[in-house]
PDB file of N, CA and C in Angstrom:
ATOM      1  N   MET A   1     108.797 102.097 107.131  1.00  0.00           N
ATOM      2  CA  MET A   1     107.901 102.393 106.027  1.00  0.00           C
ATOM      3  C   MET A   1     108.498 103.523 105.191  1.00  0.00           C
ATOM      4  N   ASN A   2     108.376 103.397 103.899  1.00  0.00           N
ATOM      5  CA  ASN A   2     108.791 104.443 102.974  1.00  0.00           C
ATOM      6  C   ASN A   2     107.550 105.079 102.371  1.00  0.00           C
ATOM      7  N   ARG A   3     107.659 106.345 102.031  1.00  0.00           N
ATOM      8  CA  ARG A   3     106.548 107.019 101.377  1.00  0.00           C
ATOM      9  C   ARG A   3     106.900 107.174  99.905  1.00  0.00           C
ATOM     10  N   ILE A   4     106.071 106.572  99.052  1.00  0.00           N
ATOM     11  CA  ILE A   4     106.263 106.667  97.603  1.00  0.00           C
ATOM     12  C   ILE A   4     105.005 107.306  97.029  1.00  0.00           C
ATOM     13  N   SER A   5     105.156 108.500  96.514  1.00  0.00           N
ATOM     14  CA  SER A   5     104.036 109.222  95.900  1.00  0.00           C
ATOM     15  C   SER A   5     102.796 109.200  96.784  1.00  0.00           C
ATOM     16  N   ASN A   6     102.952 109.581  98.047  1.00  0.00           N
ATOM     17  CA  ASN A   6     101.853 109.691  99.001  1.00  0.00           C
ATOM     18  C   ASN A   6     101.220 108.357  99.385  1.00  0.00           C
ATOM     19  N   VAL A   7     101.919 107.243  99.161  1.00  0.00           N
ATOM     20  CA  VAL A   7     101.433 105.934  99.579  1.00  0.00           C
ATOM     21  C   VAL A   7     102.501 105.313 100.474  1.00  0.00           C
ATOM     22  N   LEU A   8     102.098 104.821 101.629  1.00  0.00           N
ATOM     23  CA  LEU A   8     103.054 104.163 102.504  1.00  0.00           C
ATOM     24  C   LEU A   8     103.332 102.762 101.979  1.00  0.00           C
ATOM     25  N   VAL A   9     104.598 102.429 101.848  1.00  0.00           N
ATOM     26  CA  VAL A   9     105.023 101.127 101.353  1.00  0.00           C
ATOM     27  C   VAL A   9     106.007 100.558 102.361  1.00  0.00           C
ATOM     28  N   PRO A  10     105.794  99.290 102.811  1.00  0.00           N
ATOM     29  CA  PRO A  10     106.724  98.730 103.793  1.00  0.00           C
ATOM     30  C   PRO A  10     108.121  98.567 103.223  1.00  0.00           C
ATOM     31  N   ASP A  11     109.136  98.735 104.090  1.00  0.00           N
ATOM     32  CA  ASP A  11     110.518  98.496 103.679  1.00  0.00           C
ATOM     33  C   ASP A  11     110.641  97.045 103.241  1.00  0.00           C
ATOM     34  N   ARG A  12     111.494  96.776 102.257  1.00  0.00           N
ATOM     35  CA  ARG A  12     111.637  95.440 101.705  1.00  0.00           C
ATOM     36  C   ARG A  12     112.898  94.735 102.200  1.00  0.00           C
ATOM     37  N   GLN A  13     113.335  95.077 103.408  1.00  0.00           N
ATOM     38  CA  GLN A  13     114.501  94.406 103.962  1.00  0.00           C
ATOM     39  C   GLN A  13     114.087  93.005 104.392  1.00  0.00           C
ATOM     40  N   ILE A  14     114.528  92.013 103.628  1.00  0.00           N
ATOM     41  CA  ILE A  14     114.164  90.635 103.897  1.00  0.00           C
ATOM     42  C   ILE A  14     115.301  89.962 104.652  1.00  0.00           C
ATOM     43  N   ASN A  15     114.986  89.376 105.763  1.00  0.00           N
ATOM     44  CA  ASN A  15     115.967  88.654 106.550  1.00  0.00           C
ATOM     45  C   ASN A  15     115.521  87.196 106.595  1.00  0.00           C
ATOM     46  N   ALA A  16     116.284  86.317 105.977  1.00  0.00           N
ATOM     47  CA  ALA A  16     115.908  84.907 105.867  1.00  0.00           C
ATOM     48  C   ALA A  16     115.719  84.261 107.233  1.00  0.00           C
ATOM     49  N   GLU A  17     116.399  84.762 108.267  1.00  0.00           N
ATOM     50  CA  GLU A  17     116.258  84.178 109.597  1.00  0.00           C
ATOM     51  C   GLU A  17     114.937  84.567 110.258  1.00  0.00           C
ATOM     52  N   ARG A  18     114.272  85.580 109.738  1.00  0.00           N
ATOM     53  CA  ARG A  18     113.028  86.053 110.354  1.00  0.00           C
ATOM     54  C   ARG A  18     111.821  85.406 109.701  1.00  0.00           C
ATOM     55  N   ARG A  19     111.775  84.095 109.614  1.00  0.00           N
ATOM     56  CA  ARG A  19     110.674  83.373 108.975  1.00  0.00           C
ATOM     57  C   ARG A  19     109.384  83.442 109.784  1.00  0.00           C
ATOM     58  N   ASN A  20     109.475  83.810 111.067  1.00  0.00           N
ATOM     59  CA  ASN A  20     108.280  83.903 111.878  1.00  0.00           C
ATOM     60  C   ASN A  20     107.515  85.202 111.619  1.00  0.00           C
ATOM     61  N   ASP A  21     108.058  86.075 110.813  1.00  0.00           N
ATOM     62  CA  ASP A  21     107.401  87.323 110.440  1.00  0.00           C
ATOM     63  C   ASP A  21     106.127  86.988 109.669  1.00  0.00           C
ATOM     64  N   GLU A  22     105.010  87.618 110.014  1.00  0.00           N
ATOM     65  CA  GLU A  22     103.738  87.337 109.364  1.00  0.00           C
ATOM     66  C   GLU A  22     103.701  87.801 107.915  1.00  0.00           C
ATOM     67  N   ARG A  23     104.531  88.756 107.561  1.00  0.00           N
ATOM     68  CA  ARG A  23     104.551  89.254 106.192  1.00  0.00           C
ATOM     69  C   ARG A  23     105.295  88.264 105.309  1.00  0.00           C
ATOM     70  N   PHE A  24     104.851  88.140 104.083  1.00  0.00           N
ATOM     71  CA  PHE A  24     105.482  87.233 103.133  1.00  0.00           C
ATOM     72  C   PHE A  24     105.754  88.046 101.888  1.00  0.00           C
ATOM     73  N   TRP A  25     107.027  88.292 101.609  1.00  0.00           N
ATOM     74  CA  TRP A  25     107.421  89.213 100.569  1.00  0.00           C
ATOM     75  C   TRP A  25     107.741  88.505  99.261  1.00  0.00           C
ATOM     76  N   ILE A  26     107.667  89.233  98.182  1.00  0.00           N
ATOM     77  CA  ILE A  26     107.978  88.709  96.858  1.00  0.00           C
ATOM     78  C   ILE A  26     109.422  88.207  96.800  1.00  0.00           C
ATOM     79  N   ASN A  27     110.338  88.885  97.479  1.00  0.00           N
ATOM     80  CA  ASN A  27     111.728  88.422  97.489  1.00  0.00           C
ATOM     81  C   ASN A  27     111.840  87.012  98.060  1.00  0.00           C
ATOM     82  N   GLU A  28     111.093  86.729  99.118  1.00  0.00           N
ATOM     83  CA  GLU A  28     111.106  85.389  99.698  1.00  0.00           C
ATOM     84  C   GLU A  28     110.551  84.364  98.721  1.00  0.00           C
ATOM     85  N   MET A  29     109.455  84.708  98.073  1.00  0.00           N
ATOM     86  CA  MET A  29     108.865  83.781  97.104  1.00  0.00           C
ATOM     87  C   MET A  29     109.834  83.509  95.963  1.00  0.00           C
ATOM     88  N   LEU A  30     110.482  84.559  95.465  1.00  0.00           N
ATOM     89  CA  LEU A  30     111.433  84.383  94.373  1.00  0.00           C
ATOM     90  C   LEU A  30     112.608  83.511  94.812  1.00  0.00           C
ATOM     91  N   GLU A  31     113.097  83.743  96.023  1.00  0.00           N
ATOM     92  CA  GLU A  31     114.207  82.948  96.548  1.00  0.00           C
ATOM     93  C   GLU A  31     113.805  81.474  96.670  1.00  0.00           C
ATOM     94  N   MET A  32     112.624  81.229  97.210  1.00  0.00           N
ATOM     95  CA  MET A  32     112.147  79.860  97.367  1.00  0.00           C
ATOM     96  C   MET A  32     111.947  79.187  96.012  1.00  0.00           C
ATOM     97  N   GLN A  33     111.356  79.910  95.072  1.00  0.00           N
ATOM     98  CA  GLN A  33     111.098  79.340  93.752  1.00  0.00           C
ATOM     99  C   GLN A  33     112.402  79.084  92.998  1.00  0.00           C
ATOM    100  N   ARG A  34     113.368  79.979  93.165  1.00  0.00           N
ATOM    101  CA  ARG A  34     114.677  79.790  92.533  1.00  0.00           C
ATOM    102  C   ARG A  34     115.322  78.495  93.050  1.00  0.00           C
ATOM    103  N   SER A  35     115.233  78.251  94.362  1.00  0.00           N
ATOM    104  CA  SER A  35     115.834  77.033  94.923  1.00  0.00           C
ATOM    105  C   SER A  35     115.076  75.787  94.474  1.00  0.00           C
ATOM    106  N   LEU A  36     113.771  75.877  94.351  1.00  0.00           N
ATOM    107  CA  LEU A  36     112.979  74.753  93.847  1.00  0.00           C
ATOM    108  C   LEU A  36     113.340  74.438  92.400  1.00  0.00           C
ATOM    109  N   GLN A  37     113.453  75.471  91.588  1.00  0.00           N
ATOM    110  CA  GLN A  37     113.825  75.278  90.189  1.00  0.00           C
ATOM    111  C   GLN A  37     115.231  74.701  90.056  1.00  0.00           C
ATOM    112  N   LYS A  38     116.134  75.158  90.912  1.00  0.00           N
ATOM    113  CA  LYS A  38     117.499  74.640  90.864  1.00  0.00           C
ATOM    114  C   LYS A  38     117.515  73.154  91.221  1.00  0.00           C
ATOM    115  N   ARG A  39     116.746  72.790  92.213  1.00  0.00           N
ATOM    116  CA  ARG A  39     116.695  71.390  92.645  1.00  0.00           C
ATOM    117  C   ARG A  39     116.196  70.467  91.533  1.00  0.00           C
ATOM    118  N   TYR A  40     115.224  70.919  90.766  1.00  0.00           N
ATOM    119  CA  TYR A  40     114.614  70.080  89.738  1.00  0.00           C
ATOM    120  C   TYR A  40     114.972  70.522  88.318  1.00  0.00           C
ATOM    121  N   GLU A  41     116.076  71.227  88.160  1.00  0.00           N
ATOM    122  CA  GLU A  41     116.466  71.762  86.853  1.00  0.00           C
ATOM    123  C   GLU A  41     116.553  70.662  85.791  1.00  0.00           C
ATOM    124  N   ASP A  42     117.140  69.528  86.137  1.00  0.00           N
ATOM    125  CA  ASP A  42     117.265  68.435  85.156  1.00  0.00           C
ATOM    126  C   ASP A  42     115.905  67.894  84.740  1.00  0.00           C
ATOM    127  N   LYS A  43     114.978  67.864  85.656  1.00  0.00           N
ATOM    128  CA  LYS A  43     113.643  67.313  85.386  1.00  0.00           C
ATOM    129  C   LYS A  43     112.739  68.330  84.689  1.00  0.00           C
ATOM    130  N   TRP A  44     112.821  69.597  85.110  1.00  0.00           N
ATOM    131  CA  TRP A  44     111.914  70.625  84.611  1.00  0.00           C
ATOM    132  C   TRP A  44     112.499  71.459  83.477  1.00  0.00           C
ATOM    133  N   GLY A  45     113.796  71.392  83.248  1.00  0.00           N
ATOM    134  CA  GLY A  45     114.397  72.113  82.131  1.00  0.00           C
ATOM    135  C   GLY A  45     114.928  73.495  82.435  1.00  0.00           C
ATOM    136  N   GLY A  46     114.914  73.913  83.694  1.00  0.00           N
ATOM    137  CA  GLY A  46     115.432  75.233  84.043  1.00  0.00           C
ATOM    138  C   GLY A  46     114.467  76.352  83.678  1.00  0.00           C
ATOM    139  N   LEU A  47     114.948  77.556  83.811  1.00  0.00           N
ATOM    140  CA  LEU A  47     114.125  78.733  83.546  1.00  0.00           C
ATOM    141  C   LEU A  47     114.785  79.611  82.498  1.00  0.00           C
ATOM    142  N   SER A  48     114.028  79.950  81.492  1.00  0.00           N
ATOM    143  CA  SER A  48     114.485  80.848  80.440  1.00  0.00           C
ATOM    144  C   SER A  48     113.239  81.389  79.746  1.00  0.00           C
ATOM    145  N   PRO A  49     113.380  82.459  78.975  1.00  0.00           N
ATOM    146  CA  PRO A  49     112.208  82.970  78.248  1.00  0.00           C
ATOM    147  C   PRO A  49     111.559  81.908  77.353  1.00  0.00           C
ATOM    148  N   GLU A  50     112.363  80.995  76.797  1.00  0.00           N
ATOM    149  CA  GLU A  50     111.796  79.959  75.927  1.00  0.00           C
ATOM    150  C   GLU A  50     110.899  79.000  76.714  1.00  0.00           C
ATOM    151  N   ILE A  51     111.287  78.688  77.923  1.00  0.00           N
ATOM    152  CA  ILE A  51     110.527  77.760  78.766  1.00  0.00           C
ATOM    153  C   ILE A  51     109.332  78.462  79.407  1.00  0.00           C
ATOM    154  N   CYS A  52     109.373  79.755  79.468  1.00  0.00           N
ATOM    155  CA  CYS A  52     108.348  80.530  80.161  1.00  0.00           C
ATOM    156  C   CYS A  52     106.942  80.309  79.597  1.00  0.00           C
ATOM    157  N   THR A  53     106.832  80.029  78.311  1.00  0.00           N
ATOM    158  CA  THR A  53     105.509  79.775  77.729  1.00  0.00           C
ATOM    159  C   THR A  53     104.827  78.630  78.463  1.00  0.00           C
ATOM    160  N   ASN A  54     105.580  77.589  78.750  1.00  0.00           N
ATOM    161  CA  ASN A  54     105.014  76.460  79.493  1.00  0.00           C
ATOM    162  C   ASN A  54     104.588  76.874  80.895  1.00  0.00           C
ATOM    163  N   GLN A  55     105.401  77.689  81.546  1.00  0.00           N
ATOM    164  CA  GLN A  55     105.060  78.133  82.893  1.00  0.00           C
ATOM    165  C   GLN A  55     103.758  78.945  82.874  1.00  0.00           C
ATOM    166  N   LEU A  56     103.609  79.783  81.859  1.00  0.00           N
ATOM    167  CA  LEU A  56     102.372  80.565  81.729  1.00  0.00           C
ATOM    168  C   LEU A  56     101.164  79.652  81.523  1.00  0.00           C
ATOM    169  N   LEU A  57     101.327  78.636  80.700  1.00  0.00           N
ATOM    170  CA  LEU A  57     100.225  77.698  80.467  1.00  0.00           C
ATOM    171  C   LEU A  57      99.881  76.922  81.733  1.00  0.00           C
ATOM    172  N   TRP A  58     100.902  76.488  82.470  1.00  0.00           N
ATOM    173  CA  TRP A  58     100.643  75.801  83.733  1.00  0.00           C
ATOM    174  C   TRP A  58      99.948  76.737  84.719  1.00  0.00           C
ATOM    175  N   MET A  59     100.335  78.008  84.743  1.00  0.00           N
ATOM    176  CA  MET A  59      99.700  78.973  85.634  1.00  0.00           C
ATOM    177  C   MET A  59      98.221  79.138  85.282  1.00  0.00           C
ATOM    178  N   ILE A  60      97.925  79.205  83.994  1.00  0.00           N
ATOM    179  CA  ILE A  60      96.528  79.322  83.567  1.00  0.00           C
ATOM    180  C   ILE A  60      95.742  78.091  84.003  1.00  0.00           C
ATOM    181  N   GLY A  61      96.374  76.910  83.916  1.00  0.00           N
ATOM    182  CA  GLY A  61      95.724  75.691  84.401  1.00  0.00           C
ATOM    183  C   GLY A  61      95.395  75.777  85.879  1.00  0.00           C
ATOM    184  N   GLU A  62      96.318  76.310  86.664  1.00  0.00           N
ATOM    185  CA  GLU A  62      96.087  76.461  88.103  1.00  0.00           C
ATOM    186  C   GLU A  62      94.985  77.492  88.377  1.00  0.00           C
ATOM    187  N   ILE A  63      94.935  78.538  87.576  1.00  0.00           N
ATOM    188  CA  ILE A  63      93.850  79.521  87.717  1.00  0.00           C
ATOM    189  C   ILE A  63      92.515  78.831  87.432  1.00  0.00           C
ATOM    190  N   GLY A  64      92.509  77.938  86.454  1.00  0.00           N
ATOM    191  CA  GLY A  64      91.308  77.150  86.166  1.00  0.00           C
ATOM    192  C   GLY A  64      90.871  76.328  87.366  1.00  0.00           C
ATOM    193  N   GLU A  65      91.837  75.768  88.101  1.00  0.00           N
ATOM    194  CA  GLU A  65      91.494  75.000  89.296  1.00  0.00           C
ATOM    195  C   GLU A  65      90.896  75.897  90.373  1.00  0.00           C
ATOM    196  N   VAL A  66      91.396  77.127  90.496  1.00  0.00           N
ATOM    197  CA  VAL A  66      90.815  78.089  91.436  1.00  0.00           C
ATOM    198  C   VAL A  66      89.367  78.364  91.048  1.00  0.00           C
ATOM    199  N   ILE A  67      89.146  78.599  89.771  1.00  0.00           N
ATOM    200  CA  ILE A  67      87.795  78.874  89.272  1.00  0.00           C
ATOM    201  C   ILE A  67      86.877  77.686  89.535  1.00  0.00           C
ATOM    202  N   ASP A  68      87.373  76.473  89.307  1.00  0.00           N
ATOM    203  CA  ASP A  68      86.556  75.273  89.543  1.00  0.00           C
ATOM    204  C   ASP A  68      86.103  75.172  90.996  1.00  0.00           C
ATOM    205  N   ILE A  69      86.991  75.454  91.924  1.00  0.00           N
ATOM    206  CA  ILE A  69      86.634  75.389  93.343  1.00  0.00           C
ATOM    207  C   ILE A  69      85.501  76.350  93.641  1.00  0.00           C
ATOM    208  N   ILE A  70      85.596  77.569  93.116  1.00  0.00           N
ATOM    209  CA  ILE A  70      84.568  78.576  93.370  1.00  0.00           C
ATOM    210  C   ILE A  70      83.278  78.210  92.640  1.00  0.00           C
ATOM    211  N   LYS A  71      83.412  77.773  91.388  1.00  0.00           N
ATOM    212  CA  LYS A  71      82.232  77.429  90.583  1.00  0.00           C
ATOM    213  C   LYS A  71      81.477  76.239  91.182  1.00  0.00           C
ATOM    214  N   LYS A  72      82.182  75.215  91.597  1.00  0.00           N
ATOM    215  CA  LYS A  72      81.554  73.994  92.099  1.00  0.00           C
ATOM    216  C   LYS A  72      81.022  74.120  93.517  1.00  0.00           C
ATOM    217  N   ASN A  73      81.627  75.000  94.315  1.00  0.00           N
ATOM    218  CA  ASN A  73      81.261  75.093  95.732  1.00  0.00           C
ATOM    219  C   ASN A  73      80.622  76.411  96.118  1.00  0.00           C
ATOM    220  N   GLY A  74      80.693  77.403  95.247  1.00  0.00           N
ATOM    221  CA  GLY A  74      80.173  78.727  95.548  1.00  0.00           C
ATOM    222  C   GLY A  74      81.220  79.596  96.221  1.00  0.00           C
ATOM    223  N   ALA A  75      81.116  80.871  95.984  1.00  0.00           N
ATOM    224  CA  ALA A  75      82.096  81.818  96.514  1.00  0.00           C
ATOM    225  C   ALA A  75      82.098  81.837  98.036  1.00  0.00           C
ATOM    226  N   GLU A  76      80.927  81.744  98.632  1.00  0.00           N
ATOM    227  CA  GLU A  76      80.850  81.790 100.092  1.00  0.00           C
ATOM    228  C   GLU A  76      81.523  80.573 100.717  1.00  0.00           C
ATOM    229  N   ALA A  77      81.247  79.395 100.187  1.00  0.00           N
ATOM    230  CA  ALA A  77      81.874  78.176 100.715  1.00  0.00           C
ATOM    231  C   ALA A  77      83.389  78.228 100.520  1.00  0.00           C
ATOM    232  N   ALA A  78      83.824  78.707  99.357  1.00  0.00           N
ATOM    233  CA  ALA A  78      85.265  78.781  99.083  1.00  0.00           C
ATOM    234  C   ALA A  78      85.972  79.735 100.029  1.00  0.00           C
ATOM    235  N   SER A  79      85.260  80.740 100.499  1.00  0.00           N
ATOM    236  CA  SER A  79      85.905  81.709 101.381  1.00  0.00           C
ATOM    237  C   SER A  79      85.707  81.400 102.859  1.00  0.00           C
ATOM    238  N   GLN A  80      84.710  80.553 103.196  1.00  0.00           N
ATOM    239  CA  GLN A  80      84.409  80.380 104.615  1.00  0.00           C
ATOM    240  C   GLN A  80      84.503  78.943 105.122  1.00  0.00           C
ATOM    241  N   GLU A  81      84.198  77.946 104.295  1.00  0.00           N
ATOM    242  CA  GLU A  81      84.268  76.558 104.764  1.00  0.00           C
ATOM    243  C   GLU A  81      85.727  76.115 104.771  1.00  0.00           C
ATOM    244  N   SER A  82      86.165  75.598 105.896  1.00  0.00           N
ATOM    245  CA  SER A  82      87.595  75.344 106.073  1.00  0.00           C
ATOM    246  C   SER A  82      88.205  74.439 105.013  1.00  0.00           C
ATOM    247  N   ASN A  83      87.552  73.339 104.647  1.00  0.00           N
ATOM    248  CA  ASN A  83      88.167  72.452 103.654  1.00  0.00           C
ATOM    249  C   ASN A  83      88.196  73.083 102.266  1.00  0.00           C
ATOM    250  N   GLN A  84      87.163  73.816 101.898  1.00  0.00           N
ATOM    251  CA  GLN A  84      87.148  74.488 100.593  1.00  0.00           C
ATOM    252  C   GLN A  84      88.135  75.648 100.577  1.00  0.00           C
ATOM    253  N   ARG A  85      88.191  76.374 101.665  1.00  0.00           N
ATOM    254  CA  ARG A  85      89.139  77.494 101.762  1.00  0.00           C
ATOM    255  C   ARG A  85      90.577  76.977 101.678  1.00  0.00           C
ATOM    256  N   GLU A  86      90.849  75.872 102.341  1.00  0.00           N
ATOM    257  CA  GLU A  86      92.189  75.278 102.298  1.00  0.00           C
ATOM    258  C   GLU A  86      92.566  74.896 100.869  1.00  0.00           C
ATOM    259  N   ARG A  87      91.635  74.294 100.140  1.00  0.00           N
ATOM    260  CA  ARG A  87      91.889  73.943  98.742  1.00  0.00           C
ATOM    261  C   ARG A  87      92.109  75.192  97.894  1.00  0.00           C
ATOM    262  N   LEU A  88      91.299  76.225  98.129  1.00  0.00           N
ATOM    263  CA  LEU A  88      91.419  77.482  97.393  1.00  0.00           C
ATOM    264  C   LEU A  88      92.793  78.109  97.620  1.00  0.00           C
ATOM    265  N   VAL A  89      93.208  78.191  98.870  1.00  0.00           N
ATOM    266  CA  VAL A  89      94.508  78.785  99.196  1.00  0.00           C
ATOM    267  C   VAL A  89      95.633  77.961  98.579  1.00  0.00           C
ATOM    268  N   GLU A  90      95.517  76.630  98.613  1.00  0.00           N
ATOM    269  CA  GLU A  90      96.545  75.777  98.022  1.00  0.00           C
ATOM    270  C   GLU A  90      96.669  76.020  96.519  1.00  0.00           C
ATOM    271  N   GLU A  91      95.549  76.135  95.829  1.00  0.00           N
ATOM    272  CA  GLU A  91      95.595  76.386  94.384  1.00  0.00           C
ATOM    273  C   GLU A  91      96.119  77.783  94.080  1.00  0.00           C
ATOM    274  N   LEU A  92      95.778  78.765  94.914  1.00  0.00           N
ATOM    275  CA  LEU A  92      96.327  80.109  94.724  1.00  0.00           C
ATOM    276  C   LEU A  92      97.838  80.114  94.947  1.00  0.00           C
ATOM    277  N   ALA A  93      98.318  79.286  95.879  1.00  0.00           N
ATOM    278  CA  ALA A  93      99.767  79.158  96.074  1.00  0.00           C
ATOM    279  C   ALA A  93     100.410  78.577  94.815  1.00  0.00           C
ATOM    280  N   ASP A  94      99.737  77.602  94.171  1.00  0.00           N
ATOM    281  CA  ASP A  94     100.252  77.061  92.911  1.00  0.00           C
ATOM    282  C   ASP A  94     100.341  78.150  91.846  1.00  0.00           C
ATOM    283  N   VAL A  95      99.315  78.996  91.775  1.00  0.00           N
ATOM    284  CA  VAL A  95      99.323  80.108  90.812  1.00  0.00           C
ATOM    285  C   VAL A  95     100.531  81.007  91.081  1.00  0.00           C
ATOM    286  N   LEU A  96     100.749  81.331  92.351  1.00  0.00           N
ATOM    287  CA  LEU A  96     101.885  82.190  92.704  1.00  0.00           C
ATOM    288  C   LEU A  96     103.224  81.542  92.372  1.00  0.00           C
ATOM    289  N   MET A  97     103.311  80.233  92.523  1.00  0.00           N
ATOM    290  CA  MET A  97     104.573  79.553  92.195  1.00  0.00           C
ATOM    291  C   MET A  97     104.885  79.706  90.708  1.00  0.00           C
ATOM    292  N   TYR A  98     103.892  79.500  89.860  1.00  0.00           N
ATOM    293  CA  TYR A  98     104.125  79.671  88.424  1.00  0.00           C
ATOM    294  C   TYR A  98     104.349  81.139  88.073  1.00  0.00           C
ATOM    295  N   TYR A  99     103.664  82.040  88.759  1.00  0.00           N
ATOM    296  CA  TYR A  99     103.869  83.472  88.560  1.00  0.00           C
ATOM    297  C   TYR A  99     105.326  83.829  88.859  1.00  0.00           C
ATOM    298  N   ASN A 100     105.848  83.306  89.963  1.00  0.00           N
ATOM    299  CA  ASN A 100     107.245  83.550  90.312  1.00  0.00           C
ATOM    300  C   ASN A 100     108.187  82.929  89.298  1.00  0.00           C
ATOM    301  N   ASP A 101     107.821  81.776  88.739  1.00  0.00           N
ATOM    302  CA  ASP A 101     108.624  81.197  87.658  1.00  0.00           C
ATOM    303  C   ASP A 101     108.709  82.162  86.478  1.00  0.00           C
ATOM    304  N   VAL A 102     107.601  82.781  86.143  1.00  0.00           N
ATOM    305  CA  VAL A 102     107.584  83.732  85.024  1.00  0.00           C
ATOM    306  C   VAL A 102     108.504  84.915  85.325  1.00  0.00           C
ATOM    307  N   LEU A 103     108.438  85.431  86.543  1.00  0.00           N
ATOM    308  CA  LEU A 103     109.338  86.524  86.922  1.00  0.00           C
ATOM    309  C   LEU A 103     110.790  86.093  86.777  1.00  0.00           C
ATOM    310  N   LEU A 104     111.091  84.889  87.224  1.00  0.00           N
ATOM    311  CA  LEU A 104     112.468  84.382  87.138  1.00  0.00           C
ATOM    312  C   LEU A 104     112.882  84.139  85.688  1.00  0.00           C
ATOM    313  N   CYS A 105     111.972  83.605  84.873  1.00  0.00           N
ATOM    314  CA  CYS A 105     112.278  83.357  83.452  1.00  0.00           C
ATOM    315  C   CYS A 105     112.739  84.626  82.750  1.00  0.00           C
ATOM    316  N   TYR A 106     112.078  85.725  83.054  1.00  0.00           N
ATOM    317  CA  TYR A 106     112.392  86.983  82.387  1.00  0.00           C
ATOM    318  C   TYR A 106     113.323  87.867  83.199  1.00  0.00           C
ATOM    319  N   GLY A 107     113.815  87.351  84.319  1.00  0.00           N
ATOM    320  CA  GLY A 107     114.754  88.114  85.128  1.00  0.00           C
ATOM    321  C   GLY A 107     114.159  89.378  85.718  1.00  0.00           C
ATOM    322  N   ILE A 108     112.883  89.351  86.041  1.00  0.00           N
ATOM    323  CA  ILE A 108     112.211  90.521  86.612  1.00  0.00           C
ATOM    324  C   ILE A 108     112.464  90.538  88.113  1.00  0.00           C
ATOM    325  N   SER A 109     113.054  91.617  88.585  1.00  0.00           N
ATOM    326  CA  SER A 109     113.401  91.728  90.010  1.00  0.00           C
ATOM    327  C   SER A 109     112.201  92.231  90.808  1.00  0.00           C
ATOM    328  N   ALA A 110     112.297  92.040  92.115  1.00  0.00           N
ATOM    329  CA  ALA A 110     111.265  92.550  93.012  1.00  0.00           C
ATOM    330  C   ALA A 110     111.168  94.073  92.902  1.00  0.00           C
ATOM    331  N   ASP A 111     112.299  94.739  92.719  1.00  0.00           N
ATOM    332  CA  ASP A 111     112.285  96.198  92.593  1.00  0.00           C
ATOM    333  C   ASP A 111     111.568  96.640  91.314  1.00  0.00           C
ATOM    334  N   GLU A 112     111.833  95.934  90.206  1.00  0.00           N
ATOM    335  CA  GLU A 112     111.136  96.258  88.951  1.00  0.00           C
ATOM    336  C   GLU A 112     109.638  96.074  89.107  1.00  0.00           C
ATOM    337  N   LEU A 113     109.260  94.958  89.728  1.00  0.00           N
ATOM    338  CA  LEU A 113     107.846  94.658  89.915  1.00  0.00           C
ATOM    339  C   LEU A 113     107.189  95.696  90.818  1.00  0.00           C
ATOM    340  N   LYS A 114     107.890  96.063  91.888  1.00  0.00           N
ATOM    341  CA  LYS A 114     107.364  97.070  92.812  1.00  0.00           C
ATOM    342  C   LYS A 114     107.127  98.394  92.088  1.00  0.00           C
ATOM    343  N   LYS A 115     108.101  98.818  91.296  1.00  0.00           N
ATOM    344  CA  LYS A 115     107.969 100.083  90.574  1.00  0.00           C
ATOM    345  C   LYS A 115     106.759 100.056  89.634  1.00  0.00           C
ATOM    346  N   ALA A 116     106.632  98.984  88.865  1.00  0.00           N
ATOM    347  CA  ALA A 116     105.505  98.868  87.937  1.00  0.00           C
ATOM    348  C   ALA A 116     104.181  98.782  88.693  1.00  0.00           C
ATOM    349  N   TYR A 117     104.172  98.056  89.799  1.00  0.00           N
ATOM    350  CA  TYR A 117     102.949  97.893  90.583  1.00  0.00           C
ATOM    351  C   TYR A 117     102.500  99.227  91.181  1.00  0.00           C
ATOM    352  N   VAL A 118     103.448  99.968  91.739  1.00  0.00           N
ATOM    353  CA  VAL A 118     103.118 101.271  92.328  1.00  0.00           C
ATOM    354  C   VAL A 118     102.600 102.225  91.248  1.00  0.00           C
ATOM    355  N   GLN A 119     103.257 102.224  90.085  1.00  0.00           N
ATOM    356  CA  GLN A 119     102.784 103.075  88.982  1.00  0.00           C
ATOM    357  C   GLN A 119     101.368 102.678  88.562  1.00  0.00           C
ATOM    358  N   LYS A 120     101.127 101.387  88.426  1.00  0.00           N
ATOM    359  CA  LYS A 120      99.800 100.905  88.014  1.00  0.00           C
ATOM    360  C   LYS A 120      98.762 101.242  89.081  1.00  0.00           C
ATOM    361  N   PHE A 121      99.153 101.108  90.341  1.00  0.00           N
ATOM    362  CA  PHE A 121      98.266 101.454  91.443  1.00  0.00           C
ATOM    363  C   PHE A 121      97.813 102.907  91.341  1.00  0.00           C
ATOM    364  N   HIS A 122      98.776 103.804  91.135  1.00  0.00           N
ATOM    365  CA  HIS A 122      98.441 105.227  91.037  1.00  0.00           C
ATOM    366  C   HIS A 122      97.591 105.509  89.807  1.00  0.00           C
ATOM    367  N   THR A 123      97.888 104.851  88.698  1.00  0.00           N
ATOM    368  CA  THR A 123      97.061 105.007  87.496  1.00  0.00           C
ATOM    369  C   THR A 123      95.625 104.592  87.797  1.00  0.00           C
ATOM    370  N   ASN A 124      95.463 103.466  88.445  1.00  0.00           N
ATOM    371  CA  ASN A 124      94.119 102.961  88.747  1.00  0.00           C
ATOM    372  C   ASN A 124      93.411 103.810  89.781  1.00  0.00           C
ATOM    373  N   MET A 125      94.156 104.393  90.717  1.00  0.00           N
ATOM    374  CA  MET A 125      93.542 105.228  91.746  1.00  0.00           C
ATOM    375  C   MET A 125      92.986 106.523  91.153  1.00  0.00           C
ATOM    376  N   THR A 126      93.504 106.940  90.022  1.00  0.00           N
ATOM    377  CA  THR A 126      93.047 108.205  89.432  1.00  0.00           C
ATOM    378  C   THR A 126      92.294 107.987  88.120  1.00  0.00           C
ATOM    379  N   ARG A 127      91.976 106.743  87.823  1.00  0.00           N
ATOM    380  CA  ARG A 127      91.363 106.408  86.538  1.00  0.00           C
ATOM    381  C   ARG A 127      89.959 107.000  86.371  1.00  0.00           C
ATOM    382  N   TRP A 128      89.120 106.923  87.387  1.00  0.00           N
ATOM    383  CA  TRP A 128      87.751 107.406  87.229  1.00  0.00           C
ATOM    384  C   TRP A 128      87.435 108.474  88.230  1.00  0.00           C
TER     385      TRP A 128
END
């Protein structure tokens, strides 16, 4: 663990062989999404800032599906009933996949994201 501005943050040493680790890091998601994009580059058009608009729109669509699950079934069912929870988690995974596409489109590294996230966290912790 590292201490950043009085907040404990786990070390980000990612070892691809340690897939049984319960933690799932942004570096792993980016690596997986990069390989998925590479596999379907001819079909999907690759990743670039120009293509990123589409990825953002697809992500918003997936967020809409998350909202639909909660709206149609209720927040309690979405969080506790196994079939609704499974659908909710699957749609949230779709949101994360498009989110990672956006990071890749703009070349945003895990370190950049971590720095911005930690700064935003501290801003929000002292906001009110």
